[in-house]
Amino acid sequence: MTVLALAAPVLAGCSSINEKVGAGMGDMIPQWAGGLPAGAPPRPGTPEYDRFMQERERERQIPAAERDKETQSKANAQAAAPGR
C-alpha cells in the first residue's frame, strides 16, 4: 500500500509531460502511418497559424468572382512549377 501511495504522485507528474510531448509527436508521424494529412492547417498558437488565419480572412473579403480567378491563377502557377 505504501509503494502505491508513493508511486501515485510520480505517475500523475508523467501525465502532464505526456500531454505536451504527445501534441508535438503527432506532427512528426508520417501521413501513411496515420499522421496529419498534407493539407492540414497549422496548430493554433503558432506564428504559422496566425498567418494562415490572416490569409483566410483576406480571401473571405474578396468577392467570389475575383476569388475564383485568383484560385485558378494559383493552380496554374503550381502546375507550371517543376519538381513540386
C-alpha atoms as a PDB file:
ATOM      1  CA  MET A   1       0.000   0.000   0.000  1.00  0.00           C
ATOM      2  CA  THR A   2       2.863   2.363   0.841  1.00  0.00           C
ATOM      3  CA  VAL A   3       4.505   1.747  -2.540  1.00  0.00           C
ATOM      4  CA  LEU A   4       1.273   2.633  -4.347  1.00  0.00           C
ATOM      5  CA  ALA A   5       0.884   5.797  -2.268  1.00  0.00           C
ATOM      6  CA  LEU A   6       4.427   6.874  -3.160  1.00  0.00           C
ATOM      7  CA  ALA A   7       4.033   5.977  -6.850  1.00  0.00           C
ATOM      8  CA  ALA A   8       0.823   7.964  -7.359  1.00  0.00           C
ATOM      9  CA  PRO A   9       2.432  11.452  -7.448  1.00  0.00           C
ATOM     10  CA  VAL A  10       5.147  10.219  -9.811  1.00  0.00           C
ATOM     11  CA  LEU A  11       2.586   8.827 -12.251  1.00  0.00           C
ATOM     12  CA  ALA A  12       0.479  11.986 -12.005  1.00  0.00           C
ATOM     13  CA  GLY A  13       3.520  14.073 -12.955  1.00  0.00           C
ATOM     14  CA  CYS A  14       4.070  11.965 -16.075  1.00  0.00           C
ATOM     15  CA  SER A  15       0.586  12.723 -17.384  1.00  0.00           C
ATOM     16  CA  SER A  16       1.296  16.443 -17.795  1.00  0.00           C
ATOM     17  CA  ILE A  17       4.586  15.713 -19.574  1.00  0.00           C
ATOM     18  CA  ASN A  18       2.954  13.207 -21.916  1.00  0.00           C
ATOM     19  CA  GLU A  19       0.237  15.704 -22.827  1.00  0.00           C
ATOM     20  CA  LYS A  20       2.832  18.176 -24.124  1.00  0.00           C
ATOM     21  CA  VAL A  21       5.013  15.575 -25.807  1.00  0.00           C
ATOM     22  CA  GLY A  22       2.053  13.878 -27.457  1.00  0.00           C
ATOM     23  CA  ALA A  23       0.953  17.019 -29.307  1.00  0.00           C
ATOM     24  CA  GLY A  24       4.417  17.510 -30.780  1.00  0.00           C
ATOM     25  CA  MET A  25       4.939  13.861 -31.653  1.00  0.00           C
ATOM     26  CA  GLY A  26       1.701  13.771 -33.626  1.00  0.00           C
ATOM     27  CA  ASP A  27       3.195  16.264 -36.074  1.00  0.00           C
ATOM     28  CA  MET A  28       6.214  14.014 -36.686  1.00  0.00           C
ATOM     29  CA  ILE A  29       4.283  10.879 -37.652  1.00  0.00           C
ATOM     30  CA  PRO A  30       4.222  10.380 -41.451  1.00  0.00           C
ATOM     31  CA  GLN A  31       0.869  10.626 -43.203  1.00  0.00           C
ATOM     32  CA  TRP A  32       0.996   6.972 -44.309  1.00  0.00           C
ATOM     33  CA  ALA A  33       1.273   5.945 -40.649  1.00  0.00           C
ATOM     34  CA  GLY A  34      -1.776   7.961 -39.574  1.00  0.00           C
ATOM     35  CA  GLY A  35      -0.191  11.402 -39.111  1.00  0.00           C
ATOM     36  CA  LEU A  36      -1.574  14.744 -40.224  1.00  0.00           C
ATOM     37  CA  PRO A  37      -2.685  14.963 -43.869  1.00  0.00           C
ATOM     38  CA  ALA A  38      -0.774  17.193 -46.295  1.00  0.00           C
ATOM     39  CA  GLY A  39      -3.393  19.967 -46.349  1.00  0.00           C
ATOM     40  CA  ALA A  40      -3.901  20.243 -42.587  1.00  0.00           C
ATOM     41  CA  PRO A  41      -3.795  23.787 -41.184  1.00  0.00           C
ATOM     42  CA  PRO A  42      -1.069  24.717 -38.683  1.00  0.00           C
ATOM     43  CA  ARG A  43      -1.659  24.256 -34.967  1.00  0.00           C
ATOM     44  CA  PRO A  44      -3.303  27.153 -33.072  1.00  0.00           C
ATOM     45  CA  GLY A  45      -0.916  29.312 -31.084  1.00  0.00           C
ATOM     46  CA  THR A  46       1.904  29.232 -33.649  1.00  0.00           C
ATOM     47  CA  PRO A  47       3.021  32.121 -35.906  1.00  0.00           C
ATOM     48  CA  GLU A  48       2.128  29.975 -38.942  1.00  0.00           C
ATOM     49  CA  TYR A  49      -1.430  29.670 -37.648  1.00  0.00           C
ATOM     50  CA  ASP A  50      -1.750  33.453 -37.286  1.00  0.00           C
ATOM     51  CA  ARG A  51      -0.577  33.944 -40.903  1.00  0.00           C
ATOM     52  CA  PHE A  52      -2.939  31.179 -42.052  1.00  0.00           C
ATOM     53  CA  MET A  53      -5.915  32.858 -40.357  1.00  0.00           C
ATOM     54  CA  GLN A  54      -4.985  36.278 -41.774  1.00  0.00           C
ATOM     55  CA  GLU A  55      -4.829  34.778 -45.269  1.00  0.00           C
ATOM     56  CA  ARG A  56      -8.220  33.094 -44.789  1.00  0.00           C
ATOM     57  CA  GLU A  57      -9.739  36.378 -43.639  1.00  0.00           C
ATOM     58  CA  ARG A  58      -8.220  38.204 -46.621  1.00  0.00           C
ATOM     59  CA  GLU A  59      -9.628  35.612 -49.029  1.00  0.00           C
ATOM     60  CA  ARG A  60     -13.023  35.825 -47.323  1.00  0.00           C
ATOM     61  CA  GLN A  61     -13.153  39.561 -48.007  1.00  0.00           C
ATOM     62  CA  ILE A  62     -12.556  39.104 -51.756  1.00  0.00           C
ATOM     63  CA  PRO A  63     -15.716  38.919 -53.923  1.00  0.00           C
ATOM     64  CA  ALA A  64     -16.472  35.399 -55.221  1.00  0.00           C
ATOM     65  CA  ALA A  65     -15.793  36.213 -58.898  1.00  0.00           C
ATOM     66  CA  GLU A  66     -12.322  37.572 -58.130  1.00  0.00           C
ATOM     67  CA  ARG A  67     -11.616  34.720 -55.699  1.00  0.00           C
ATOM     68  CA  ASP A  68     -12.257  32.157 -58.461  1.00  0.00           C
ATOM     69  CA  LYS A  69      -9.838  33.954 -60.786  1.00  0.00           C
ATOM     70  CA  GLU A  70      -7.170  34.064 -58.060  1.00  0.00           C
ATOM     71  CA  THR A  71      -7.634  30.350 -57.295  1.00  0.00           C
ATOM     72  CA  GLN A  72      -7.273  29.460 -60.972  1.00  0.00           C
ATOM     73  CA  SER A  73      -4.112  31.536 -61.364  1.00  0.00           C
ATOM     74  CA  LYS A  74      -2.565  29.866 -58.263  1.00  0.00           C
ATOM     75  CA  ALA A  75      -3.438  26.425 -59.631  1.00  0.00           C
ATOM     76  CA  ASN A  76      -1.860  27.264 -62.996  1.00  0.00           C
ATOM     77  CA  ALA A  77       1.304  28.565 -61.305  1.00  0.00           C
ATOM     78  CA  GLN A  78       1.644  25.381 -59.208  1.00  0.00           C
ATOM     79  CA  ALA A  79       1.084  23.153 -62.247  1.00  0.00           C
ATOM     80  CA  ALA A  80       3.781  25.015 -64.186  1.00  0.00           C
ATOM     81  CA  ALA A  81       6.363  24.789 -61.361  1.00  0.00           C
ATOM     82  CA  PRO A  82       8.524  21.674 -61.897  1.00  0.00           C
ATOM     83  CA  GLY A  83       9.501  19.470 -59.001  1.00  0.00           C
ATOM     84  CA  ARG A  84       6.570  20.316 -56.737  1.00  0.00           C
END
